[in-house]
Amino acid sequence: MLAWFKRFFAALFGKRPEPRQLPPGRDVNLSSLRIGDVVVHLDQTYIVNQRIVNHANGFFWHDYKLYGGDDAHIWLSVEDDDELEVALYRPADLTLNEEPPEEIEYLGQLFRLTEKGTSDAKISRESGSETRTTAYSWDYEGEGGKRLSVQRWGESEYEVMVGEPVNAASLDLMAQPD
C-alpha cells in the first residue's frame, strides 16, 4: 500500500518513474548461432535445430542443422580460415559403408576429393543434450562450385551431403525470440 502512495504522490507532483529498461538483444553472427535462432535465405525461414562446433589443430568451424517447416533439413557450414566460406548442404541419396574414394560420381556429376581430416566435435541438440565425438570428414568439389561432403561419426555411420557455397550477405540471422 505504501508503494501505491509513493507512486501517486510522485505522479501528482511531477516525478515520473524511470522507464523499464529492456535488456539489450544478443548479437548474432555466423559463428555464434544457437539452438532456436532463425536463419533466412532467399525468403525461406529456418530454425537452428542442432549446432556442431568442430575443432582441429587450433582451428574452429561450425555446422548448423536447420529446419524449414517441413520434415526436411539442410546444413549450414561456416568456416573462417583465411576467408569466410559459407555453404548450404542437403542430404544426398548416396549410401557409403567404407572410407570414401578420391572421386565420387553423384547424379551424373564427378566430385574430386579436396580435403579430408578428423576433428573433435561438440554436438548440441534441441533437447539440450550435448555429445563430444570424433568426426571424420571428406570434402569434394565438382563443376560450378558444387560440393559434396562425407562425414563419419564414430566407427561406421556415414552421412553424405551435397551443396554449394552461398554469399554470407544473403543470410539474415536473428536471435531466438524470447
N, C-alpha and C. Protein backbone atom coordinates (compact mmCIF):
# COMPACT_ATOMS: atom_id res chain seq x y z
N MET A 1 0.81 -1.18 0.00
CA MET A 1 0.00 0.00 0.00
C MET A 1 0.87 1.26 0.00
N LEU A 2 1.99 1.22 0.71
CA LEU A 2 2.88 2.37 0.77
C LEU A 2 3.47 2.66 -0.61
N ALA A 3 3.77 1.64 -1.37
CA ALA A 3 4.32 1.83 -2.72
C ALA A 3 3.30 2.55 -3.60
N TRP A 4 2.01 2.24 -3.42
CA TRP A 4 0.98 2.91 -4.22
C TRP A 4 0.96 4.40 -3.91
N PHE A 5 1.03 4.78 -2.62
CA PHE A 5 1.04 6.19 -2.24
C PHE A 5 2.26 6.91 -2.82
N LYS A 6 3.41 6.26 -2.79
CA LYS A 6 4.63 6.88 -3.33
C LYS A 6 4.46 7.15 -4.83
N ARG A 7 3.91 6.19 -5.56
CA ARG A 7 3.70 6.37 -7.00
C ARG A 7 2.67 7.48 -7.24
N PHE A 8 1.60 7.51 -6.41
CA PHE A 8 0.55 8.52 -6.56
C PHE A 8 1.11 9.92 -6.34
N PHE A 9 1.85 10.14 -5.26
CA PHE A 9 2.40 11.46 -4.99
C PHE A 9 3.48 11.85 -5.99
N ALA A 10 4.25 10.87 -6.44
CA ALA A 10 5.27 11.16 -7.46
C ALA A 10 4.59 11.61 -8.75
N ALA A 11 3.49 10.96 -9.12
CA ALA A 11 2.77 11.36 -10.33
C ALA A 11 2.10 12.71 -10.13
N LEU A 12 1.57 12.95 -8.94
CA LEU A 12 0.88 14.20 -8.63
C LEU A 12 1.82 15.40 -8.67
N PHE A 13 3.03 15.21 -8.20
CA PHE A 13 3.98 16.32 -8.12
C PHE A 13 5.04 16.29 -9.22
N GLY A 14 4.78 15.59 -10.29
CA GLY A 14 5.62 15.67 -11.48
C GLY A 14 6.77 14.69 -11.58
N LYS A 15 7.00 13.90 -10.58
CA LYS A 15 8.06 12.90 -10.70
C LYS A 15 7.49 11.68 -11.41
N ARG A 16 8.18 11.27 -12.42
CA ARG A 16 7.73 10.10 -13.17
C ARG A 16 8.67 8.92 -12.86
N PRO A 17 8.13 7.76 -12.77
CA PRO A 17 9.02 6.61 -12.55
C PRO A 17 9.93 6.41 -13.77
N GLU A 18 11.11 5.88 -13.50
CA GLU A 18 12.06 5.59 -14.59
C GLU A 18 11.44 4.54 -15.51
N PRO A 19 11.60 4.74 -16.84
CA PRO A 19 11.07 3.72 -17.75
C PRO A 19 11.82 2.40 -17.54
N ARG A 20 11.10 1.32 -17.72
CA ARG A 20 11.69 -0.01 -17.58
C ARG A 20 12.69 -0.23 -18.70
N GLN A 21 13.89 -0.62 -18.35
CA GLN A 21 14.94 -0.87 -19.34
C GLN A 21 14.90 -2.34 -19.75
N LEU A 22 14.79 -2.56 -21.05
CA LEU A 22 14.84 -3.92 -21.57
C LEU A 22 16.29 -4.32 -21.78
N PRO A 23 16.61 -5.57 -21.55
CA PRO A 23 18.00 -6.00 -21.77
C PRO A 23 18.33 -5.89 -23.26
N PRO A 24 19.59 -5.55 -23.57
CA PRO A 24 19.96 -5.43 -24.98
C PRO A 24 19.85 -6.79 -25.67
N GLY A 25 19.55 -6.77 -26.97
CA GLY A 25 19.46 -8.01 -27.74
C GLY A 25 20.83 -8.63 -27.94
N ARG A 26 20.86 -9.90 -28.15
CA ARG A 26 22.11 -10.62 -28.37
C ARG A 26 22.53 -10.43 -29.82
N ASP A 27 23.80 -10.09 -30.02
CA ASP A 27 24.33 -10.00 -31.38
C ASP A 27 24.50 -11.42 -31.91
N VAL A 28 24.05 -11.62 -33.14
CA VAL A 28 24.12 -12.94 -33.75
C VAL A 28 25.00 -12.84 -34.99
N ASN A 29 25.94 -13.77 -35.11
CA ASN A 29 26.73 -13.87 -36.34
C ASN A 29 26.86 -15.34 -36.71
N LEU A 30 27.51 -15.62 -37.81
CA LEU A 30 27.57 -16.99 -38.32
C LEU A 30 28.31 -17.96 -37.39
N SER A 31 29.13 -17.45 -36.51
CA SER A 31 29.85 -18.32 -35.58
C SER A 31 29.19 -18.40 -34.21
N SER A 32 28.14 -17.60 -33.99
CA SER A 32 27.52 -17.59 -32.66
C SER A 32 26.07 -18.05 -32.66
N LEU A 33 25.61 -18.63 -33.75
CA LEU A 33 24.22 -19.11 -33.78
C LEU A 33 24.01 -20.14 -32.68
N ARG A 34 22.81 -20.13 -32.11
CA ARG A 34 22.43 -21.07 -31.06
C ARG A 34 21.17 -21.81 -31.49
N ILE A 35 20.88 -22.87 -30.75
CA ILE A 35 19.65 -23.63 -30.98
C ILE A 35 18.47 -22.65 -30.85
N GLY A 36 17.56 -22.68 -31.82
CA GLY A 36 16.38 -21.82 -31.78
C GLY A 36 16.54 -20.52 -32.54
N ASP A 37 17.78 -20.14 -32.89
CA ASP A 37 17.98 -18.92 -33.68
C ASP A 37 17.40 -19.12 -35.07
N VAL A 38 17.16 -18.01 -35.76
CA VAL A 38 16.50 -18.02 -37.06
C VAL A 38 17.50 -17.64 -38.15
N VAL A 39 17.46 -18.38 -39.25
CA VAL A 39 18.27 -18.09 -40.44
C VAL A 39 17.32 -17.97 -41.62
N VAL A 40 17.40 -16.86 -42.35
CA VAL A 40 16.56 -16.66 -43.53
C VAL A 40 17.47 -16.61 -44.75
N HIS A 41 17.15 -17.43 -45.75
CA HIS A 41 17.91 -17.45 -47.01
C HIS A 41 16.91 -17.52 -48.16
N LEU A 42 16.99 -16.53 -49.04
CA LEU A 42 16.10 -16.47 -50.22
C LEU A 42 14.63 -16.64 -49.83
N ASP A 43 14.20 -15.89 -48.87
CA ASP A 43 12.82 -15.87 -48.39
C ASP A 43 12.36 -17.18 -47.75
N GLN A 44 13.28 -18.07 -47.47
CA GLN A 44 12.96 -19.31 -46.76
C GLN A 44 13.48 -19.17 -45.33
N THR A 45 12.63 -19.41 -44.36
CA THR A 45 13.00 -19.27 -42.95
C THR A 45 13.32 -20.64 -42.36
N TYR A 46 14.43 -20.69 -41.64
CA TYR A 46 14.89 -21.92 -40.99
C TYR A 46 15.14 -21.65 -39.51
N ILE A 47 15.01 -22.68 -38.71
CA ILE A 47 15.31 -22.62 -37.28
C ILE A 47 16.51 -23.53 -37.02
N VAL A 48 17.49 -23.04 -36.26
CA VAL A 48 18.65 -23.85 -35.90
C VAL A 48 18.19 -24.92 -34.92
N ASN A 49 18.39 -26.18 -35.31
CA ASN A 49 17.93 -27.31 -34.52
C ASN A 49 19.09 -28.05 -33.85
N GLN A 50 20.28 -27.91 -34.45
CA GLN A 50 21.45 -28.60 -33.93
C GLN A 50 22.68 -27.76 -34.27
N ARG A 51 23.66 -27.75 -33.39
CA ARG A 51 24.88 -26.96 -33.59
C ARG A 51 26.08 -27.88 -33.35
N ILE A 52 27.01 -27.88 -34.30
CA ILE A 52 28.23 -28.66 -34.15
C ILE A 52 29.41 -27.71 -34.23
N VAL A 53 30.23 -27.72 -33.19
CA VAL A 53 31.46 -26.94 -33.20
C VAL A 53 32.59 -27.95 -33.39
N ASN A 54 33.30 -27.81 -34.50
CA ASN A 54 34.42 -28.69 -34.83
C ASN A 54 35.73 -28.00 -34.47
N HIS A 55 36.70 -28.79 -34.00
CA HIS A 55 38.00 -28.24 -33.62
C HIS A 55 39.10 -29.20 -34.06
N ALA A 56 40.08 -28.64 -34.78
CA ALA A 56 41.26 -29.43 -35.17
C ALA A 56 42.43 -28.47 -35.35
N ASN A 57 43.55 -28.81 -34.75
CA ASN A 57 44.79 -28.04 -34.90
C ASN A 57 44.61 -26.56 -34.60
N GLY A 58 43.86 -26.22 -33.56
CA GLY A 58 43.67 -24.83 -33.17
C GLY A 58 42.67 -24.06 -34.01
N PHE A 59 42.01 -24.72 -34.91
CA PHE A 59 41.07 -24.09 -35.84
C PHE A 59 39.66 -24.58 -35.52
N PHE A 60 38.69 -23.67 -35.51
CA PHE A 60 37.29 -24.00 -35.24
C PHE A 60 36.43 -23.72 -36.47
N TRP A 61 35.41 -24.54 -36.70
CA TRP A 61 34.39 -24.26 -37.71
C TRP A 61 33.07 -24.81 -37.20
N HIS A 62 31.98 -24.32 -37.81
CA HIS A 62 30.64 -24.61 -37.29
C HIS A 62 29.76 -25.21 -38.38
N ASP A 63 28.92 -26.13 -37.95
CA ASP A 63 27.87 -26.69 -38.79
C ASP A 63 26.57 -26.58 -38.02
N TYR A 64 25.52 -26.13 -38.72
CA TYR A 64 24.22 -25.96 -38.09
C TYR A 64 23.18 -26.73 -38.88
N LYS A 65 22.41 -27.54 -38.19
CA LYS A 65 21.29 -28.24 -38.81
C LYS A 65 20.09 -27.31 -38.74
N LEU A 66 19.49 -27.03 -39.90
CA LEU A 66 18.39 -26.08 -40.00
C LEU A 66 17.12 -26.78 -40.47
N TYR A 67 16.00 -26.46 -39.82
CA TYR A 67 14.69 -26.97 -40.25
C TYR A 67 13.88 -25.82 -40.80
N GLY A 68 13.16 -26.11 -41.90
CA GLY A 68 12.42 -25.05 -42.57
C GLY A 68 10.93 -25.23 -42.59
N GLY A 69 10.36 -25.93 -41.64
CA GLY A 69 8.91 -26.03 -41.59
C GLY A 69 8.37 -27.37 -42.03
N ASP A 70 9.05 -28.04 -42.93
CA ASP A 70 8.63 -29.40 -43.28
C ASP A 70 9.61 -30.34 -42.59
N ASP A 71 9.52 -31.61 -42.88
CA ASP A 71 10.41 -32.56 -42.21
C ASP A 71 11.83 -32.54 -42.77
N ALA A 72 12.05 -31.88 -43.90
CA ALA A 72 13.37 -31.83 -44.49
C ALA A 72 14.27 -30.87 -43.72
N HIS A 73 15.55 -31.12 -43.79
CA HIS A 73 16.51 -30.23 -43.15
C HIS A 73 17.66 -29.94 -44.11
N ILE A 74 18.36 -28.88 -43.81
CA ILE A 74 19.58 -28.55 -44.54
C ILE A 74 20.66 -28.28 -43.51
N TRP A 75 21.90 -28.23 -43.98
CA TRP A 75 23.03 -27.91 -43.13
C TRP A 75 23.66 -26.61 -43.60
N LEU A 76 23.99 -25.75 -42.66
CA LEU A 76 24.74 -24.52 -42.91
C LEU A 76 26.14 -24.75 -42.38
N SER A 77 27.13 -24.66 -43.27
CA SER A 77 28.52 -24.86 -42.89
C SER A 77 29.24 -23.52 -42.92
N VAL A 78 29.98 -23.21 -41.85
CA VAL A 78 30.66 -21.93 -41.73
C VAL A 78 32.12 -22.17 -41.35
N GLU A 79 33.03 -21.80 -42.24
CA GLU A 79 34.46 -21.89 -41.97
C GLU A 79 35.06 -20.51 -42.15
N ASP A 80 35.87 -20.10 -41.20
CA ASP A 80 36.54 -18.80 -41.30
C ASP A 80 38.02 -19.02 -41.10
N ASP A 81 38.67 -19.53 -42.16
CA ASP A 81 40.10 -19.79 -42.13
C ASP A 81 40.78 -18.49 -42.55
N ASP A 82 41.31 -18.42 -43.74
CA ASP A 82 41.85 -17.16 -44.25
C ASP A 82 40.74 -16.26 -44.78
N GLU A 83 39.67 -16.87 -45.20
CA GLU A 83 38.50 -16.13 -45.66
C GLU A 83 37.26 -16.90 -45.24
N LEU A 84 36.14 -16.18 -45.18
CA LEU A 84 34.88 -16.79 -44.76
C LEU A 84 34.32 -17.65 -45.88
N GLU A 85 34.05 -18.91 -45.56
CA GLU A 85 33.42 -19.83 -46.51
C GLU A 85 32.11 -20.31 -45.90
N VAL A 86 31.02 -20.05 -46.61
CA VAL A 86 29.69 -20.43 -46.14
C VAL A 86 29.05 -21.28 -47.23
N ALA A 87 28.45 -22.39 -46.84
CA ALA A 87 27.79 -23.27 -47.81
C ALA A 87 26.54 -23.88 -47.19
N LEU A 88 25.58 -24.17 -48.04
CA LEU A 88 24.37 -24.88 -47.63
C LEU A 88 24.38 -26.27 -48.26
N TYR A 89 24.06 -27.27 -47.47
CA TYR A 89 24.06 -28.67 -47.92
C TYR A 89 22.71 -29.30 -47.65
N ARG A 90 22.35 -30.24 -48.52
CA ARG A 90 21.16 -31.07 -48.34
C ARG A 90 21.61 -32.53 -48.30
N PRO A 91 20.87 -33.37 -47.59
CA PRO A 91 21.23 -34.79 -47.58
C PRO A 91 21.21 -35.35 -49.00
N ALA A 92 22.21 -36.14 -49.32
CA ALA A 92 22.30 -36.79 -50.63
C ALA A 92 21.82 -38.23 -50.51
N ASP A 93 21.17 -38.70 -51.54
CA ASP A 93 20.70 -40.08 -51.57
C ASP A 93 21.83 -40.97 -52.07
N LEU A 94 22.84 -41.12 -51.22
CA LEU A 94 24.03 -41.89 -51.55
C LEU A 94 24.48 -42.59 -50.29
N THR A 95 24.61 -43.89 -50.34
CA THR A 95 25.00 -44.68 -49.17
C THR A 95 26.45 -45.11 -49.29
N LEU A 96 27.21 -44.88 -48.24
CA LEU A 96 28.60 -45.34 -48.17
C LEU A 96 28.76 -46.21 -46.94
N ASN A 97 29.52 -47.29 -47.10
CA ASN A 97 29.76 -48.19 -45.97
C ASN A 97 31.24 -48.37 -45.69
N GLU A 98 32.07 -47.62 -46.42
CA GLU A 98 33.52 -47.70 -46.22
C GLU A 98 34.12 -46.34 -46.54
N GLU A 99 35.41 -46.19 -46.23
CA GLU A 99 36.06 -44.90 -46.46
C GLU A 99 35.89 -44.47 -47.92
N PRO A 100 35.51 -43.20 -48.13
CA PRO A 100 35.22 -42.71 -49.48
C PRO A 100 36.46 -42.70 -50.38
N PRO A 101 36.25 -42.89 -51.68
CA PRO A 101 37.36 -42.87 -52.64
C PRO A 101 37.78 -41.43 -52.99
N GLU A 102 38.76 -41.29 -53.84
CA GLU A 102 39.27 -39.97 -54.28
C GLU A 102 38.25 -39.24 -55.15
N GLU A 103 37.40 -39.99 -55.87
CA GLU A 103 36.38 -39.40 -56.73
C GLU A 103 35.05 -40.08 -56.46
N ILE A 104 33.99 -39.29 -56.49
CA ILE A 104 32.64 -39.83 -56.32
C ILE A 104 31.77 -39.25 -57.43
N GLU A 105 31.01 -40.11 -58.09
CA GLU A 105 30.03 -39.64 -59.08
C GLU A 105 28.67 -39.64 -58.40
N TYR A 106 27.99 -38.50 -58.51
CA TYR A 106 26.67 -38.38 -57.90
C TYR A 106 25.78 -37.60 -58.86
N LEU A 107 24.65 -38.18 -59.22
CA LEU A 107 23.68 -37.58 -60.15
C LEU A 107 24.36 -37.07 -61.43
N GLY A 108 25.27 -37.90 -61.95
CA GLY A 108 25.93 -37.58 -63.21
C GLY A 108 27.05 -36.57 -63.12
N GLN A 109 27.39 -36.13 -61.94
CA GLN A 109 28.48 -35.16 -61.78
C GLN A 109 29.62 -35.80 -61.01
N LEU A 110 30.84 -35.52 -61.45
CA LEU A 110 32.03 -36.06 -60.81
C LEU A 110 32.53 -35.07 -59.74
N PHE A 111 32.75 -35.57 -58.55
CA PHE A 111 33.28 -34.79 -57.45
C PHE A 111 34.65 -35.34 -57.08
N ARG A 112 35.63 -34.44 -56.93
CA ARG A 112 37.00 -34.84 -56.59
C ARG A 112 37.34 -34.40 -55.17
N LEU A 113 38.02 -35.30 -54.46
CA LEU A 113 38.42 -35.04 -53.09
C LEU A 113 39.37 -33.84 -53.03
N THR A 114 39.06 -32.86 -52.16
CA THR A 114 39.92 -31.69 -52.00
C THR A 114 40.55 -31.64 -50.60
N GLU A 115 39.90 -32.27 -49.63
CA GLU A 115 40.41 -32.21 -48.26
C GLU A 115 39.78 -33.32 -47.44
N LYS A 116 40.56 -33.87 -46.53
CA LYS A 116 39.99 -34.83 -45.58
C LYS A 116 40.70 -34.67 -44.25
N GLY A 117 40.04 -35.08 -43.19
CA GLY A 117 40.65 -34.97 -41.88
C GLY A 117 39.73 -35.39 -40.77
N THR A 118 40.21 -35.21 -39.55
CA THR A 118 39.42 -35.53 -38.37
C THR A 118 39.32 -34.28 -37.49
N SER A 119 38.29 -34.24 -36.69
CA SER A 119 38.12 -33.12 -35.75
C SER A 119 37.44 -33.63 -34.50
N ASP A 120 37.63 -32.88 -33.43
CA ASP A 120 36.84 -33.09 -32.23
C ASP A 120 35.56 -32.30 -32.45
N ALA A 121 34.43 -32.94 -32.23
CA ALA A 121 33.14 -32.29 -32.48
C ALA A 121 32.30 -32.27 -31.21
N LYS A 122 31.76 -31.09 -30.92
CA LYS A 122 30.82 -30.94 -29.82
C LYS A 122 29.46 -30.68 -30.45
N ILE A 123 28.53 -31.61 -30.25
CA ILE A 123 27.21 -31.55 -30.86
C ILE A 123 26.20 -31.14 -29.80
N SER A 124 25.51 -30.01 -30.05
CA SER A 124 24.46 -29.53 -29.16
C SER A 124 23.12 -29.71 -29.87
N ARG A 125 22.16 -30.29 -29.16
CA ARG A 125 20.86 -30.59 -29.75
C ARG A 125 19.74 -29.77 -29.11
N GLU A 126 18.62 -29.74 -29.81
CA GLU A 126 17.44 -29.02 -29.34
C GLU A 126 16.97 -29.53 -27.98
N SER A 127 17.17 -30.79 -27.71
CA SER A 127 16.75 -31.39 -26.45
C SER A 127 17.57 -30.89 -25.27
N GLY A 128 18.69 -30.21 -25.56
CA GLY A 128 19.58 -29.74 -24.52
C GLY A 128 20.76 -30.67 -24.29
N SER A 129 20.74 -31.83 -24.93
CA SER A 129 21.84 -32.77 -24.74
C SER A 129 23.06 -32.34 -25.57
N GLU A 130 24.23 -32.71 -25.08
CA GLU A 130 25.47 -32.44 -25.79
C GLU A 130 26.29 -33.72 -25.85
N THR A 131 26.97 -33.88 -26.98
CA THR A 131 27.82 -35.05 -27.19
C THR A 131 29.16 -34.57 -27.72
N ARG A 132 30.20 -35.21 -27.28
CA ARG A 132 31.52 -34.97 -27.86
C ARG A 132 31.95 -36.25 -28.54
N THR A 133 32.47 -36.11 -29.76
CA THR A 133 32.88 -37.27 -30.52
C THR A 133 33.97 -36.88 -31.50
N THR A 134 34.53 -37.86 -32.16
CA THR A 134 35.48 -37.61 -33.24
C THR A 134 34.71 -37.68 -34.55
N ALA A 135 34.88 -36.64 -35.37
CA ALA A 135 34.23 -36.60 -36.69
C ALA A 135 35.31 -36.77 -37.75
N TYR A 136 35.02 -37.60 -38.73
CA TYR A 136 35.91 -37.81 -39.87
C TYR A 136 35.22 -37.18 -41.07
N SER A 137 35.94 -36.40 -41.86
CA SER A 137 35.27 -35.73 -42.97
C SER A 137 36.11 -35.79 -44.25
N TRP A 138 35.37 -35.80 -45.36
CA TRP A 138 35.94 -35.78 -46.69
C TRP A 138 35.18 -34.73 -47.49
N ASP A 139 35.89 -33.75 -48.03
CA ASP A 139 35.27 -32.67 -48.79
C ASP A 139 35.64 -32.80 -50.26
N TYR A 140 34.62 -32.68 -51.12
CA TYR A 140 34.79 -32.85 -52.57
C TYR A 140 34.27 -31.61 -53.28
N GLU A 141 34.82 -31.35 -54.45
CA GLU A 141 34.31 -30.28 -55.31
C GLU A 141 34.00 -30.83 -56.67
N GLY A 142 32.93 -30.29 -57.27
CA GLY A 142 32.53 -30.64 -58.62
C GLY A 142 32.49 -29.38 -59.47
N GLU A 143 31.95 -29.52 -60.65
CA GLU A 143 31.87 -28.39 -61.57
C GLU A 143 30.95 -27.30 -61.02
N GLY A 144 31.28 -26.05 -61.36
CA GLY A 144 30.44 -24.93 -60.97
C GLY A 144 30.41 -24.65 -59.48
N GLY A 145 31.43 -25.11 -58.75
CA GLY A 145 31.48 -24.86 -57.31
C GLY A 145 30.65 -25.80 -56.47
N LYS A 146 29.96 -26.75 -57.10
CA LYS A 146 29.16 -27.72 -56.33
C LYS A 146 30.07 -28.47 -55.37
N ARG A 147 29.51 -28.84 -54.25
CA ARG A 147 30.29 -29.54 -53.23
C ARG A 147 29.58 -30.80 -52.77
N LEU A 148 30.37 -31.74 -52.34
CA LEU A 148 29.86 -32.97 -51.74
C LEU A 148 30.66 -33.18 -50.47
N SER A 149 30.00 -33.49 -49.41
CA SER A 149 30.67 -33.69 -48.13
C SER A 149 30.26 -35.03 -47.55
N VAL A 150 31.26 -35.75 -47.05
CA VAL A 150 31.01 -37.02 -46.39
C VAL A 150 31.52 -36.89 -44.96
N GLN A 151 30.69 -37.26 -44.01
CA GLN A 151 31.05 -37.24 -42.60
C GLN A 151 30.86 -38.64 -42.04
N ARG A 152 31.78 -39.03 -41.19
CA ARG A 152 31.62 -40.30 -40.47
C ARG A 152 31.67 -39.99 -38.99
N TRP A 153 30.65 -40.45 -38.31
CA TRP A 153 30.54 -40.26 -36.86
C TRP A 153 30.82 -41.60 -36.21
N GLY A 154 31.80 -41.64 -35.34
CA GLY A 154 32.15 -42.90 -34.72
C GLY A 154 32.83 -43.80 -35.73
N GLU A 155 32.52 -45.07 -35.66
CA GLU A 155 33.25 -46.03 -36.49
C GLU A 155 32.57 -46.40 -37.80
N SER A 156 31.26 -46.16 -37.94
CA SER A 156 30.66 -46.68 -39.16
C SER A 156 29.50 -45.87 -39.74
N GLU A 157 29.04 -44.84 -39.08
CA GLU A 157 27.88 -44.11 -39.56
C GLU A 157 28.30 -42.97 -40.49
N TYR A 158 28.06 -43.16 -41.80
CA TYR A 158 28.42 -42.15 -42.80
C TYR A 158 27.21 -41.30 -43.14
N GLU A 159 27.45 -40.01 -43.36
CA GLU A 159 26.42 -39.09 -43.81
C GLU A 159 26.96 -38.36 -45.03
N VAL A 160 26.18 -38.36 -46.12
CA VAL A 160 26.61 -37.72 -47.36
C VAL A 160 25.68 -36.55 -47.66
N MET A 161 26.28 -35.39 -47.98
CA MET A 161 25.50 -34.20 -48.27
C MET A 161 26.04 -33.54 -49.54
N VAL A 162 25.16 -32.90 -50.28
CA VAL A 162 25.55 -32.18 -51.48
C VAL A 162 25.10 -30.73 -51.32
N GLY A 163 25.94 -29.81 -51.80
CA GLY A 163 25.59 -28.41 -51.60
C GLY A 163 26.39 -27.47 -52.49
N GLU A 164 26.31 -26.21 -52.11
CA GLU A 164 27.03 -25.18 -52.85
C GLU A 164 27.29 -23.99 -51.95
N PRO A 165 28.34 -23.23 -52.29
CA PRO A 165 28.64 -22.05 -51.48
C PRO A 165 27.55 -21.00 -51.63
N VAL A 166 27.36 -20.20 -50.58
CA VAL A 166 26.42 -19.09 -50.61
C VAL A 166 27.14 -17.85 -50.09
N ASN A 167 26.67 -16.71 -50.54
CA ASN A 167 27.20 -15.45 -50.08
C ASN A 167 26.65 -15.19 -48.68
N ALA A 168 27.54 -14.93 -47.73
CA ALA A 168 27.10 -14.70 -46.35
C ALA A 168 26.10 -13.56 -46.25
N ALA A 169 26.22 -12.58 -47.15
CA ALA A 169 25.30 -11.44 -47.13
C ALA A 169 23.87 -11.84 -47.51
N SER A 170 23.71 -13.03 -48.10
CA SER A 170 22.37 -13.48 -48.49
C SER A 170 21.61 -14.12 -47.32
N LEU A 171 22.25 -14.19 -46.17
CA LEU A 171 21.65 -14.80 -44.98
C LEU A 171 21.28 -13.72 -43.97
N ASP A 172 20.06 -13.76 -43.49
CA ASP A 172 19.62 -12.89 -42.40
C ASP A 172 19.58 -13.76 -41.15
N LEU A 173 20.19 -13.27 -40.08
CA LEU A 173 20.28 -14.02 -38.84
C LEU A 173 19.55 -13.27 -37.73
N MET A 174 18.80 -14.01 -36.93
CA MET A 174 18.06 -13.40 -35.82
C MET A 174 18.17 -14.28 -34.60
N ALA A 175 18.36 -13.65 -33.45
CA ALA A 175 18.41 -14.39 -32.20
C ALA A 175 17.05 -15.01 -31.93
N GLN A 176 17.07 -16.12 -31.22
CA GLN A 176 15.84 -16.82 -30.84
C GLN A 176 14.93 -15.85 -30.13
N PRO A 177 13.68 -15.82 -30.55
CA PRO A 177 12.73 -14.96 -29.84
C PRO A 177 12.56 -15.45 -28.40
N ASP A 178 12.49 -14.51 -27.48
CA ASP A 178 12.32 -14.89 -26.06
C ASP A 178 10.89 -15.12 -25.71
